[in-house]
């Protein structure tokens, strides 16, 4: 029903998956 996209979605950085919240 809902989702916190900041913590759910990740991007690749130096071969590891990092939450996009790190950018925020």
PDBML (XML) file of the C-alpha atoms, coordinates in Angstrom:
<?xml version="1.0" encoding="UTF-8" ?>
<PDBx:datablock datablockName="MODEL"
   xmlns:PDBx="http://pdbml.pdb.org/schema/pdbx-v50.xsd"
   xmlns:xsi="http://www.w3.org/2001/XMLSchema-instance"
   xsi:schemaLocation="http://pdbml.pdb.org/schema/pdbx-v50.xsd pdbx-v50.xsd">
   <PDBx:atom_siteCategory>
      <PDBx:atom_site id="1">
         <PDBx:B_iso_or_equiv>0.00</PDBx:B_iso_or_equiv>
         <PDBx:Cartn_x>0.000</PDBx:Cartn_x>
         <PDBx:Cartn_y>0.000</PDBx:Cartn_y>
         <PDBx:Cartn_z>0.000</PDBx:Cartn_z>
         <PDBx:auth_asym_id>A</PDBx:auth_asym_id>
         <PDBx:auth_atom_id>CA</PDBx:auth_atom_id>
         <PDBx:auth_comp_id>UNK</PDBx:auth_comp_id>
         <PDBx:auth_seq_id>1</PDBx:auth_seq_id>
         <PDBx:group_PDB>ATOM</PDBx:group_PDB>
         <PDBx:label_alt_id xsi:nil="true" />
         <PDBx:label_asym_id>A</PDBx:label_asym_id>
         <PDBx:label_atom_id>CA</PDBx:label_atom_id>
         <PDBx:label_comp_id>UNK</PDBx:label_comp_id>
         <PDBx:label_entity_id>1</PDBx:label_entity_id>
         <PDBx:label_seq_id>1</PDBx:label_seq_id>
         <PDBx:occupancy>1.00</PDBx:occupancy>
         <PDBx:pdbx_PDB_model_num>1</PDBx:pdbx_PDB_model_num>
         <PDBx:type_symbol>C</PDBx:type_symbol>
      </PDBx:atom_site>
      <PDBx:atom_site id="2">
         <PDBx:B_iso_or_equiv>0.00</PDBx:B_iso_or_equiv>
         <PDBx:Cartn_x>2.915</PDBx:Cartn_x>
         <PDBx:Cartn_y>2.395</PDBx:Cartn_y>
         <PDBx:Cartn_z>0.586</PDBx:Cartn_z>
         <PDBx:auth_asym_id>A</PDBx:auth_asym_id>
         <PDBx:auth_atom_id>CA</PDBx:auth_atom_id>
         <PDBx:auth_comp_id>UNK</PDBx:auth_comp_id>
         <PDBx:auth_seq_id>2</PDBx:auth_seq_id>
         <PDBx:group_PDB>ATOM</PDBx:group_PDB>
         <PDBx:label_alt_id xsi:nil="true" />
         <PDBx:label_asym_id>A</PDBx:label_asym_id>
         <PDBx:label_atom_id>CA</PDBx:label_atom_id>
         <PDBx:label_comp_id>UNK</PDBx:label_comp_id>
         <PDBx:label_entity_id>1</PDBx:label_entity_id>
         <PDBx:label_seq_id>2</PDBx:label_seq_id>
         <PDBx:occupancy>1.00</PDBx:occupancy>
         <PDBx:pdbx_PDB_model_num>1</PDBx:pdbx_PDB_model_num>
         <PDBx:type_symbol>C</PDBx:type_symbol>
      </PDBx:atom_site>
      <PDBx:atom_site id="3">
         <PDBx:B_iso_or_equiv>0.00</PDBx:B_iso_or_equiv>
         <PDBx:Cartn_x>6.680</PDBx:Cartn_x>
         <PDBx:Cartn_y>2.577</PDBx:Cartn_y>
         <PDBx:Cartn_z>0.355</PDBx:Cartn_z>
         <PDBx:auth_asym_id>A</PDBx:auth_asym_id>
         <PDBx:auth_atom_id>CA</PDBx:auth_atom_id>
         <PDBx:auth_comp_id>UNK</PDBx:auth_comp_id>
         <PDBx:auth_seq_id>3</PDBx:auth_seq_id>
         <PDBx:group_PDB>ATOM</PDBx:group_PDB>
         <PDBx:label_alt_id xsi:nil="true" />
         <PDBx:label_asym_id>A</PDBx:label_asym_id>
         <PDBx:label_atom_id>CA</PDBx:label_atom_id>
         <PDBx:label_comp_id>UNK</PDBx:label_comp_id>
         <PDBx:label_entity_id>1</PDBx:label_entity_id>
         <PDBx:label_seq_id>3</PDBx:label_seq_id>
         <PDBx:occupancy>1.00</PDBx:occupancy>
         <PDBx:pdbx_PDB_model_num>1</PDBx:pdbx_PDB_model_num>
         <PDBx:type_symbol>C</PDBx:type_symbol>
      </PDBx:atom_site>
      <PDBx:atom_site id="4">
         <PDBx:B_iso_or_equiv>0.00</PDBx:B_iso_or_equiv>
         <PDBx:Cartn_x>9.533</PDBx:Cartn_x>
         <PDBx:Cartn_y>4.886</PDBx:Cartn_y>
         <PDBx:Cartn_z>1.415</PDBx:Cartn_z>
         <PDBx:auth_asym_id>A</PDBx:auth_asym_id>
         <PDBx:auth_atom_id>CA</PDBx:auth_atom_id>
         <PDBx:auth_comp_id>UNK</PDBx:auth_comp_id>
         <PDBx:auth_seq_id>4</PDBx:auth_seq_id>
         <PDBx:group_PDB>ATOM</PDBx:group_PDB>
         <PDBx:label_alt_id xsi:nil="true" />
         <PDBx:label_asym_id>A</PDBx:label_asym_id>
         <PDBx:label_atom_id>CA</PDBx:label_atom_id>
         <PDBx:label_comp_id>UNK</PDBx:label_comp_id>
         <PDBx:label_entity_id>1</PDBx:label_entity_id>
         <PDBx:label_seq_id>4</PDBx:label_seq_id>
         <PDBx:occupancy>1.00</PDBx:occupancy>
         <PDBx:pdbx_PDB_model_num>1</PDBx:pdbx_PDB_model_num>
         <PDBx:type_symbol>C</PDBx:type_symbol>
      </PDBx:atom_site>
      <PDBx:atom_site id="5">
         <PDBx:B_iso_or_equiv>0.00</PDBx:B_iso_or_equiv>
         <PDBx:Cartn_x>11.303</PDBx:Cartn_x>
         <PDBx:Cartn_y>5.155</PDBx:Cartn_y>
         <PDBx:Cartn_z>-1.925</PDBx:Cartn_z>
         <PDBx:auth_asym_id>A</PDBx:auth_asym_id>
         <PDBx:auth_atom_id>CA</PDBx:auth_atom_id>
         <PDBx:auth_comp_id>UNK</PDBx:auth_comp_id>
         <PDBx:auth_seq_id>5</PDBx:auth_seq_id>
         <PDBx:group_PDB>ATOM</PDBx:group_PDB>
         <PDBx:label_alt_id xsi:nil="true" />
         <PDBx:label_asym_id>A</PDBx:label_asym_id>
         <PDBx:label_atom_id>CA</PDBx:label_atom_id>
         <PDBx:label_comp_id>UNK</PDBx:label_comp_id>
         <PDBx:label_entity_id>1</PDBx:label_entity_id>
         <PDBx:label_seq_id>5</PDBx:label_seq_id>
         <PDBx:occupancy>1.00</PDBx:occupancy>
         <PDBx:pdbx_PDB_model_num>1</PDBx:pdbx_PDB_model_num>
         <PDBx:type_symbol>C</PDBx:type_symbol>
      </PDBx:atom_site>
      <PDBx:atom_site id="6">
         <PDBx:B_iso_or_equiv>0.00</PDBx:B_iso_or_equiv>
         <PDBx:Cartn_x>14.360</PDBx:Cartn_x>
         <PDBx:Cartn_y>6.821</PDBx:Cartn_y>
         <PDBx:Cartn_z>-0.379</PDBx:Cartn_z>
         <PDBx:auth_asym_id>A</PDBx:auth_asym_id>
         <PDBx:auth_atom_id>CA</PDBx:auth_atom_id>
         <PDBx:auth_comp_id>UNK</PDBx:auth_comp_id>
         <PDBx:auth_seq_id>6</PDBx:auth_seq_id>
         <PDBx:group_PDB>ATOM</PDBx:group_PDB>
         <PDBx:label_alt_id xsi:nil="true" />
         <PDBx:label_asym_id>A</PDBx:label_asym_id>
         <PDBx:label_atom_id>CA</PDBx:label_atom_id>
         <PDBx:label_comp_id>UNK</PDBx:label_comp_id>
         <PDBx:label_entity_id>1</PDBx:label_entity_id>
         <PDBx:label_seq_id>6</PDBx:label_seq_id>
         <PDBx:occupancy>1.00</PDBx:occupancy>
         <PDBx:pdbx_PDB_model_num>1</PDBx:pdbx_PDB_model_num>
         <PDBx:type_symbol>C</PDBx:type_symbol>
      </PDBx:atom_site>
      <PDBx:atom_site id="7">
         <PDBx:B_iso_or_equiv>0.00</PDBx:B_iso_or_equiv>
         <PDBx:Cartn_x>15.271</PDBx:Cartn_x>
         <PDBx:Cartn_y>3.681</PDBx:Cartn_y>
         <PDBx:Cartn_z>1.497</PDBx:Cartn_z>
         <PDBx:auth_asym_id>A</PDBx:auth_asym_id>
         <PDBx:auth_atom_id>CA</PDBx:auth_atom_id>
         <PDBx:auth_comp_id>UNK</PDBx:auth_comp_id>
         <PDBx:auth_seq_id>7</PDBx:auth_seq_id>
         <PDBx:group_PDB>ATOM</PDBx:group_PDB>
         <PDBx:label_alt_id xsi:nil="true" />
         <PDBx:label_asym_id>A</PDBx:label_asym_id>
         <PDBx:label_atom_id>CA</PDBx:label_atom_id>
         <PDBx:label_comp_id>UNK</PDBx:label_comp_id>
         <PDBx:label_entity_id>1</PDBx:label_entity_id>
         <PDBx:label_seq_id>7</PDBx:label_seq_id>
         <PDBx:occupancy>1.00</PDBx:occupancy>
         <PDBx:pdbx_PDB_model_num>1</PDBx:pdbx_PDB_model_num>
         <PDBx:type_symbol>C</PDBx:type_symbol>
      </PDBx:atom_site>
      <PDBx:atom_site id="8">
         <PDBx:B_iso_or_equiv>0.00</PDBx:B_iso_or_equiv>
         <PDBx:Cartn_x>13.807</PDBx:Cartn_x>
         <PDBx:Cartn_y>1.106</PDBx:Cartn_y>
         <PDBx:Cartn_z>-0.938</PDBx:Cartn_z>
         <PDBx:auth_asym_id>A</PDBx:auth_asym_id>
         <PDBx:auth_atom_id>CA</PDBx:auth_atom_id>
         <PDBx:auth_comp_id>UNK</PDBx:auth_comp_id>
         <PDBx:auth_seq_id>8</PDBx:auth_seq_id>
         <PDBx:group_PDB>ATOM</PDBx:group_PDB>
         <PDBx:label_alt_id xsi:nil="true" />
         <PDBx:label_asym_id>A</PDBx:label_asym_id>
         <PDBx:label_atom_id>CA</PDBx:label_atom_id>
         <PDBx:label_comp_id>UNK</PDBx:label_comp_id>
         <PDBx:label_entity_id>1</PDBx:label_entity_id>
         <PDBx:label_seq_id>8</PDBx:label_seq_id>
         <PDBx:occupancy>1.00</PDBx:occupancy>
         <PDBx:pdbx_PDB_model_num>1</PDBx:pdbx_PDB_model_num>
         <PDBx:type_symbol>C</PDBx:type_symbol>
      </PDBx:atom_site>
      <PDBx:atom_site id="9">
         <PDBx:B_iso_or_equiv>0.00</PDBx:B_iso_or_equiv>
         <PDBx:Cartn_x>15.620</PDBx:Cartn_x>
         <PDBx:Cartn_y>2.135</PDBx:Cartn_y>
         <PDBx:Cartn_z>-4.117</PDBx:Cartn_z>
         <PDBx:auth_asym_id>A</PDBx:auth_asym_id>
         <PDBx:auth_atom_id>CA</PDBx:auth_atom_id>
         <PDBx:auth_comp_id>UNK</PDBx:auth_comp_id>
         <PDBx:auth_seq_id>9</PDBx:auth_seq_id>
         <PDBx:group_PDB>ATOM</PDBx:group_PDB>
         <PDBx:label_alt_id xsi:nil="true" />
         <PDBx:label_asym_id>A</PDBx:label_asym_id>
         <PDBx:label_atom_id>CA</PDBx:label_atom_id>
         <PDBx:label_comp_id>UNK</PDBx:label_comp_id>
         <PDBx:label_entity_id>1</PDBx:label_entity_id>
         <PDBx:label_seq_id>9</PDBx:label_seq_id>
         <PDBx:occupancy>1.00</PDBx:occupancy>
         <PDBx:pdbx_PDB_model_num>1</PDBx:pdbx_PDB_model_num>
         <PDBx:type_symbol>C</PDBx:type_symbol>
      </PDBx:atom_site>
      <PDBx:atom_site id="10">
         <PDBx:B_iso_or_equiv>0.00</PDBx:B_iso_or_equiv>
         <PDBx:Cartn_x>19.400</PDBx:Cartn_x>
         <PDBx:Cartn_y>1.702</PDBx:Cartn_y>
         <PDBx:Cartn_z>-4.471</PDBx:Cartn_z>
         <PDBx:auth_asym_id>A</PDBx:auth_asym_id>
         <PDBx:auth_atom_id>CA</PDBx:auth_atom_id>
         <PDBx:auth_comp_id>UNK</PDBx:auth_comp_id>
         <PDBx:auth_seq_id>10</PDBx:auth_seq_id>
         <PDBx:group_PDB>ATOM</PDBx:group_PDB>
         <PDBx:label_alt_id xsi:nil="true" />
         <PDBx:label_asym_id>A</PDBx:label_asym_id>
         <PDBx:label_atom_id>CA</PDBx:label_atom_id>
         <PDBx:label_comp_id>UNK</PDBx:label_comp_id>
         <PDBx:label_entity_id>1</PDBx:label_entity_id>
         <PDBx:label_seq_id>10</PDBx:label_seq_id>
         <PDBx:occupancy>1.00</PDBx:occupancy>
         <PDBx:pdbx_PDB_model_num>1</PDBx:pdbx_PDB_model_num>
         <PDBx:type_symbol>C</PDBx:type_symbol>
      </PDBx:atom_site>
      <PDBx:atom_site id="11">
         <PDBx:B_iso_or_equiv>0.00</PDBx:B_iso_or_equiv>
         <PDBx:Cartn_x>22.034</PDBx:Cartn_x>
         <PDBx:Cartn_y>2.698</PDBx:Cartn_y>
         <PDBx:Cartn_z>-7.002</PDBx:Cartn_z>
         <PDBx:auth_asym_id>A</PDBx:auth_asym_id>
         <PDBx:auth_atom_id>CA</PDBx:auth_atom_id>
         <PDBx:auth_comp_id>UNK</PDBx:auth_comp_id>
         <PDBx:auth_seq_id>11</PDBx:auth_seq_id>
         <PDBx:group_PDB>ATOM</PDBx:group_PDB>
         <PDBx:label_alt_id xsi:nil="true" />
         <PDBx:label_asym_id>A</PDBx:label_asym_id>
         <PDBx:label_atom_id>CA</PDBx:label_atom_id>
         <PDBx:label_comp_id>UNK</PDBx:label_comp_id>
         <PDBx:label_entity_id>1</PDBx:label_entity_id>
         <PDBx:label_seq_id>11</PDBx:label_seq_id>
         <PDBx:occupancy>1.00</PDBx:occupancy>
         <PDBx:pdbx_PDB_model_num>1</PDBx:pdbx_PDB_model_num>
         <PDBx:type_symbol>C</PDBx:type_symbol>
      </PDBx:atom_site>
      <PDBx:atom_site id="12">
         <PDBx:B_iso_or_equiv>0.00</PDBx:B_iso_or_equiv>
         <PDBx:Cartn_x>25.388</PDBx:Cartn_x>
         <PDBx:Cartn_y>1.118</PDBx:Cartn_y>
         <PDBx:Cartn_z>-7.709</PDBx:Cartn_z>
         <PDBx:auth_asym_id>A</PDBx:auth_asym_id>
         <PDBx:auth_atom_id>CA</PDBx:auth_atom_id>
         <PDBx:auth_comp_id>UNK</PDBx:auth_comp_id>
         <PDBx:auth_seq_id>12</PDBx:auth_seq_id>
         <PDBx:group_PDB>ATOM</PDBx:group_PDB>
         <PDBx:label_alt_id xsi:nil="true" />
         <PDBx:label_asym_id>A</PDBx:label_asym_id>
         <PDBx:label_atom_id>CA</PDBx:label_atom_id>
         <PDBx:label_comp_id>UNK</PDBx:label_comp_id>
         <PDBx:label_entity_id>1</PDBx:label_entity_id>
         <PDBx:label_seq_id>12</PDBx:label_seq_id>
         <PDBx:occupancy>1.00</PDBx:occupancy>
         <PDBx:pdbx_PDB_model_num>1</PDBx:pdbx_PDB_model_num>
         <PDBx:type_symbol>C</PDBx:type_symbol>
      </PDBx:atom_site>
      <PDBx:atom_site id="13">
         <PDBx:B_iso_or_equiv>0.00</PDBx:B_iso_or_equiv>
         <PDBx:Cartn_x>28.460</PDBx:Cartn_x>
         <PDBx:Cartn_y>2.815</PDBx:Cartn_y>
         <PDBx:Cartn_z>-6.263</PDBx:Cartn_z>
         <PDBx:auth_asym_id>A</PDBx:auth_asym_id>
         <PDBx:auth_atom_id>CA</PDBx:auth_atom_id>
         <PDBx:auth_comp_id>UNK</PDBx:auth_comp_id>
         <PDBx:auth_seq_id>13</PDBx:auth_seq_id>
         <PDBx:group_PDB>ATOM</PDBx:group_PDB>
         <PDBx:label_alt_id xsi:nil="true" />
         <PDBx:label_asym_id>A</PDBx:label_asym_id>
         <PDBx:label_atom_id>CA</PDBx:label_atom_id>
         <PDBx:label_comp_id>UNK</PDBx:label_comp_id>
         <PDBx:label_entity_id>1</PDBx:label_entity_id>
         <PDBx:label_seq_id>13</PDBx:label_seq_id>
         <PDBx:occupancy>1.00</PDBx:occupancy>
         <PDBx:pdbx_PDB_model_num>1</PDBx:pdbx_PDB_model_num>
         <PDBx:type_symbol>C</PDBx:type_symbol>
      </PDBx:atom_site>
      <PDBx:atom_site id="14">
         <PDBx:B_iso_or_equiv>0.00</PDBx:B_iso_or_equiv>
         <PDBx:Cartn_x>31.934</PDBx:Cartn_x>
         <PDBx:Cartn_y>1.259</PDBx:Cartn_y>
         <PDBx:Cartn_z>-6.302</PDBx:Cartn_z>
         <PDBx:auth_asym_id>A</PDBx:auth_asym_id>
         <PDBx:auth_atom_id>CA</PDBx:auth_atom_id>
         <PDBx:auth_comp_id>UNK</PDBx:auth_comp_id>
         <PDBx:auth_seq_id>14</PDBx:auth_seq_id>
         <PDBx:group_PDB>ATOM</PDBx:group_PDB>
         <PDBx:label_alt_id xsi:nil="true" />
         <PDBx:label_asym_id>A</PDBx:label_asym_id>
         <PDBx:label_atom_id>CA</PDBx:label_atom_id>
         <PDBx:label_comp_id>UNK</PDBx:label_comp_id>
         <PDBx:label_entity_id>1</PDBx:label_entity_id>
         <PDBx:label_seq_id>14</PDBx:label_seq_id>
         <PDBx:occupancy>1.00</PDBx:occupancy>
         <PDBx:pdbx_PDB_model_num>1</PDBx:pdbx_PDB_model_num>
         <PDBx:type_symbol>C</PDBx:type_symbol>
      </PDBx:atom_site>
      <PDBx:atom_site id="15">
         <PDBx:B_iso_or_equiv>0.00</PDBx:B_iso_or_equiv>
         <PDBx:Cartn_x>30.449</PDBx:Cartn_x>
         <PDBx:Cartn_y>-2.178</PDBx:Cartn_y>
         <PDBx:Cartn_z>-6.941</PDBx:Cartn_z>
         <PDBx:auth_asym_id>A</PDBx:auth_asym_id>
         <PDBx:auth_atom_id>CA</PDBx:auth_atom_id>
         <PDBx:auth_comp_id>UNK</PDBx:auth_comp_id>
         <PDBx:auth_seq_id>15</PDBx:auth_seq_id>
         <PDBx:group_PDB>ATOM</PDBx:group_PDB>
         <PDBx:label_alt_id xsi:nil="true" />
         <PDBx:label_asym_id>A</PDBx:label_asym_id>
         <PDBx:label_atom_id>CA</PDBx:label_atom_id>
         <PDBx:label_comp_id>UNK</PDBx:label_comp_id>
         <PDBx:label_entity_id>1</PDBx:label_entity_id>
         <PDBx:label_seq_id>15</PDBx:label_seq_id>
         <PDBx:occupancy>1.00</PDBx:occupancy>
         <PDBx:pdbx_PDB_model_num>1</PDBx:pdbx_PDB_model_num>
         <PDBx:type_symbol>C</PDBx:type_symbol>
      </PDBx:atom_site>
      <PDBx:atom_site id="16">
         <PDBx:B_iso_or_equiv>0.00</PDBx:B_iso_or_equiv>
         <PDBx:Cartn_x>27.974</PDBx:Cartn_x>
         <PDBx:Cartn_y>-1.999</PDBx:Cartn_y>
         <PDBx:Cartn_z>-4.043</PDBx:Cartn_z>
         <PDBx:auth_asym_id>A</PDBx:auth_asym_id>
         <PDBx:auth_atom_id>CA</PDBx:auth_atom_id>
         <PDBx:auth_comp_id>UNK</PDBx:auth_comp_id>
         <PDBx:auth_seq_id>16</PDBx:auth_seq_id>
         <PDBx:group_PDB>ATOM</PDBx:group_PDB>
         <PDBx:label_alt_id xsi:nil="true" />
         <PDBx:label_asym_id>A</PDBx:label_asym_id>
         <PDBx:label_atom_id>CA</PDBx:label_atom_id>
         <PDBx:label_comp_id>UNK</PDBx:label_comp_id>
         <PDBx:label_entity_id>1</PDBx:label_entity_id>
         <PDBx:label_seq_id>16</PDBx:label_seq_id>
         <PDBx:occupancy>1.00</PDBx:occupancy>
         <PDBx:pdbx_PDB_model_num>1</PDBx:pdbx_PDB_model_num>
         <PDBx:type_symbol>C</PDBx:type_symbol>
      </PDBx:atom_site>
      <PDBx:atom_site id="17">
         <PDBx:B_iso_or_equiv>0.00</PDBx:B_iso_or_equiv>
         <PDBx:Cartn_x>24.291</PDBx:Cartn_x>
         <PDBx:Cartn_y>-1.079</PDBx:Cartn_y>
         <PDBx:Cartn_z>-3.807</PDBx:Cartn_z>
         <PDBx:auth_asym_id>A</PDBx:auth_asym_id>
         <PDBx:auth_atom_id>CA</PDBx:auth_atom_id>
         <PDBx:auth_comp_id>UNK</PDBx:auth_comp_id>
         <PDBx:auth_seq_id>17</PDBx:auth_seq_id>
         <PDBx:group_PDB>ATOM</PDBx:group_PDB>
         <PDBx:label_alt_id xsi:nil="true" />
         <PDBx:label_asym_id>A</PDBx:label_asym_id>
         <PDBx:label_atom_id>CA</PDBx:label_atom_id>
         <PDBx:label_comp_id>UNK</PDBx:label_comp_id>
         <PDBx:label_entity_id>1</PDBx:label_entity_id>
         <PDBx:label_seq_id>17</PDBx:label_seq_id>
         <PDBx:occupancy>1.00</PDBx:occupancy>
         <PDBx:pdbx_PDB_model_num>1</PDBx:pdbx_PDB_model_num>
         <PDBx:type_symbol>C</PDBx:type_symbol>
      </PDBx:atom_site>
      <PDBx:atom_site id="18">
         <PDBx:B_iso_or_equiv>0.00</PDBx:B_iso_or_equiv>
         <PDBx:Cartn_x>23.724</PDBx:Cartn_x>
         <PDBx:Cartn_y>2.155</PDBx:Cartn_y>
         <PDBx:Cartn_z>-1.856</PDBx:Cartn_z>
         <PDBx:auth_asym_id>A</PDBx:auth_asym_id>
         <PDBx:auth_atom_id>CA</PDBx:auth_atom_id>
         <PDBx:auth_comp_id>UNK</PDBx:auth_comp_id>
         <PDBx:auth_seq_id>18</PDBx:auth_seq_id>
         <PDBx:group_PDB>ATOM</PDBx:group_PDB>
         <PDBx:label_alt_id xsi:nil="true" />
         <PDBx:label_asym_id>A</PDBx:label_asym_id>
         <PDBx:label_atom_id>CA</PDBx:label_atom_id>
         <PDBx:label_comp_id>UNK</PDBx:label_comp_id>
         <PDBx:label_entity_id>1</PDBx:label_entity_id>
         <PDBx:label_seq_id>18</PDBx:label_seq_id>
         <PDBx:occupancy>1.00</PDBx:occupancy>
         <PDBx:pdbx_PDB_model_num>1</PDBx:pdbx_PDB_model_num>
         <PDBx:type_symbol>C</PDBx:type_symbol>
      </PDBx:atom_site>
      <PDBx:atom_site id="19">
         <PDBx:B_iso_or_equiv>0.00</PDBx:B_iso_or_equiv>
         <PDBx:Cartn_x>20.305</PDBx:Cartn_x>
         <PDBx:Cartn_y>3.606</PDBx:Cartn_y>
         <PDBx:Cartn_z>-0.862</PDBx:Cartn_z>
         <PDBx:auth_asym_id>A</PDBx:auth_asym_id>
         <PDBx:auth_atom_id>CA</PDBx:auth_atom_id>
         <PDBx:auth_comp_id>UNK</PDBx:auth_comp_id>
         <PDBx:auth_seq_id>19</PDBx:auth_seq_id>
         <PDBx:group_PDB>ATOM</PDBx:group_PDB>
         <PDBx:label_alt_id xsi:nil="true" />
         <PDBx:label_asym_id>A</PDBx:label_asym_id>
         <PDBx:label_atom_id>CA</PDBx:label_atom_id>
         <PDBx:label_comp_id>UNK</PDBx:label_comp_id>
         <PDBx:label_entity_id>1</PDBx:label_entity_id>
         <PDBx:label_seq_id>19</PDBx:label_seq_id>
         <PDBx:occupancy>1.00</PDBx:occupancy>
         <PDBx:pdbx_PDB_model_num>1</PDBx:pdbx_PDB_model_num>
         <PDBx:type_symbol>C</PDBx:type_symbol>
      </PDBx:atom_site>
      <PDBx:atom_site id="20">
         <PDBx:B_iso_or_equiv>0.00</PDBx:B_iso_or_equiv>
         <PDBx:Cartn_x>19.415</PDBx:Cartn_x>
         <PDBx:Cartn_y>6.772</PDBx:Cartn_y>
         <PDBx:Cartn_z>-2.757</PDBx:Cartn_z>
         <PDBx:auth_asym_id>A</PDBx:auth_asym_id>
         <PDBx:auth_atom_id>CA</PDBx:auth_atom_id>
         <PDBx:auth_comp_id>UNK</PDBx:auth_comp_id>
         <PDBx:auth_seq_id>20</PDBx:auth_seq_id>
         <PDBx:group_PDB>ATOM</PDBx:group_PDB>
         <PDBx:label_alt_id xsi:nil="true" />
         <PDBx:label_asym_id>A</PDBx:label_asym_id>
         <PDBx:label_atom_id>CA</PDBx:label_atom_id>
         <PDBx:label_comp_id>UNK</PDBx:label_comp_id>
         <PDBx:label_entity_id>1</PDBx:label_entity_id>
         <PDBx:label_seq_id>20</PDBx:label_seq_id>
         <PDBx:occupancy>1.00</PDBx:occupancy>
         <PDBx:pdbx_PDB_model_num>1</PDBx:pdbx_PDB_model_num>
         <PDBx:type_symbol>C</PDBx:type_symbol>
      </PDBx:atom_site>
      <PDBx:atom_site id="21">
         <PDBx:B_iso_or_equiv>0.00</PDBx:B_iso_or_equiv>
         <PDBx:Cartn_x>18.787</PDBx:Cartn_x>
         <PDBx:Cartn_y>8.293</PDBx:Cartn_y>
         <PDBx:Cartn_z>0.683</PDBx:Cartn_z>
         <PDBx:auth_asym_id>A</PDBx:auth_asym_id>
         <PDBx:auth_atom_id>CA</PDBx:auth_atom_id>
         <PDBx:auth_comp_id>UNK</PDBx:auth_comp_id>
         <PDBx:auth_seq_id>21</PDBx:auth_seq_id>
         <PDBx:group_PDB>ATOM</PDBx:group_PDB>
         <PDBx:label_alt_id xsi:nil="true" />
         <PDBx:label_asym_id>A</PDBx:label_asym_id>
         <PDBx:label_atom_id>CA</PDBx:label_atom_id>
         <PDBx:label_comp_id>UNK</PDBx:label_comp_id>
         <PDBx:label_entity_id>1</PDBx:label_entity_id>
         <PDBx:label_seq_id>21</PDBx:label_seq_id>
         <PDBx:occupancy>1.00</PDBx:occupancy>
         <PDBx:pdbx_PDB_model_num>1</PDBx:pdbx_PDB_model_num>
         <PDBx:type_symbol>C</PDBx:type_symbol>
      </PDBx:atom_site>
      <PDBx:atom_site id="22">
         <PDBx:B_iso_or_equiv>0.00</PDBx:B_iso_or_equiv>
         <PDBx:Cartn_x>22.583</PDBx:Cartn_x>
         <PDBx:Cartn_y>8.608</PDBx:Cartn_y>
         <PDBx:Cartn_z>0.953</PDBx:Cartn_z>
         <PDBx:auth_asym_id>A</PDBx:auth_asym_id>
         <PDBx:auth_atom_id>CA</PDBx:auth_atom_id>
         <PDBx:auth_comp_id>UNK</PDBx:auth_comp_id>
         <PDBx:auth_seq_id>22</PDBx:auth_seq_id>
         <PDBx:group_PDB>ATOM</PDBx:group_PDB>
         <PDBx:label_alt_id xsi:nil="true" />
         <PDBx:label_asym_id>A</PDBx:label_asym_id>
         <PDBx:label_atom_id>CA</PDBx:label_atom_id>
         <PDBx:label_comp_id>UNK</PDBx:label_comp_id>
         <PDBx:label_entity_id>1</PDBx:label_entity_id>
         <PDBx:label_seq_id>22</PDBx:label_seq_id>
         <PDBx:occupancy>1.00</PDBx:occupancy>
         <PDBx:pdbx_PDB_model_num>1</PDBx:pdbx_PDB_model_num>
         <PDBx:type_symbol>C</PDBx:type_symbol>
      </PDBx:atom_site>
      <PDBx:atom_site id="23">
         <PDBx:B_iso_or_equiv>0.00</PDBx:B_iso_or_equiv>
         <PDBx:Cartn_x>22.426</PDBx:Cartn_x>
         <PDBx:Cartn_y>11.229</PDBx:Cartn_y>
         <PDBx:Cartn_z>-1.801</PDBx:Cartn_z>
         <PDBx:auth_asym_id>A</PDBx:auth_asym_id>
         <PDBx:auth_atom_id>CA</PDBx:auth_atom_id>
         <PDBx:auth_comp_id>UNK</PDBx:auth_comp_id>
         <PDBx:auth_seq_id>23</PDBx:auth_seq_id>
         <PDBx:group_PDB>ATOM</PDBx:group_PDB>
         <PDBx:label_alt_id xsi:nil="true" />
         <PDBx:label_asym_id>A</PDBx:label_asym_id>
         <PDBx:label_atom_id>CA</PDBx:label_atom_id>
         <PDBx:label_comp_id>UNK</PDBx:label_comp_id>
         <PDBx:label_entity_id>1</PDBx:label_entity_id>
         <PDBx:label_seq_id>23</PDBx:label_seq_id>
         <PDBx:occupancy>1.00</PDBx:occupancy>
         <PDBx:pdbx_PDB_model_num>1</PDBx:pdbx_PDB_model_num>
         <PDBx:type_symbol>C</PDBx:type_symbol>
      </PDBx:atom_site>
      <PDBx:atom_site id="24">
         <PDBx:B_iso_or_equiv>0.00</PDBx:B_iso_or_equiv>
         <PDBx:Cartn_x>19.647</PDBx:Cartn_x>
         <PDBx:Cartn_y>13.110</PDBx:Cartn_y>
         <PDBx:Cartn_z>-0.032</PDBx:Cartn_z>
         <PDBx:auth_asym_id>A</PDBx:auth_asym_id>
         <PDBx:auth_atom_id>CA</PDBx:auth_atom_id>
         <PDBx:auth_comp_id>UNK</PDBx:auth_comp_id>
         <PDBx:auth_seq_id>24</PDBx:auth_seq_id>
         <PDBx:group_PDB>ATOM</PDBx:group_PDB>
         <PDBx:label_alt_id xsi:nil="true" />
         <PDBx:label_asym_id>A</PDBx:label_asym_id>
         <PDBx:label_atom_id>CA</PDBx:label_atom_id>
         <PDBx:label_comp_id>UNK</PDBx:label_comp_id>
         <PDBx:label_entity_id>1</PDBx:label_entity_id>
         <PDBx:label_seq_id>24</PDBx:label_seq_id>
         <PDBx:occupancy>1.00</PDBx:occupancy>
         <PDBx:pdbx_PDB_model_num>1</PDBx:pdbx_PDB_model_num>
         <PDBx:type_symbol>C</PDBx:type_symbol>
      </PDBx:atom_site>
   </PDBx:atom_siteCategory>
</PDBx:datablock>
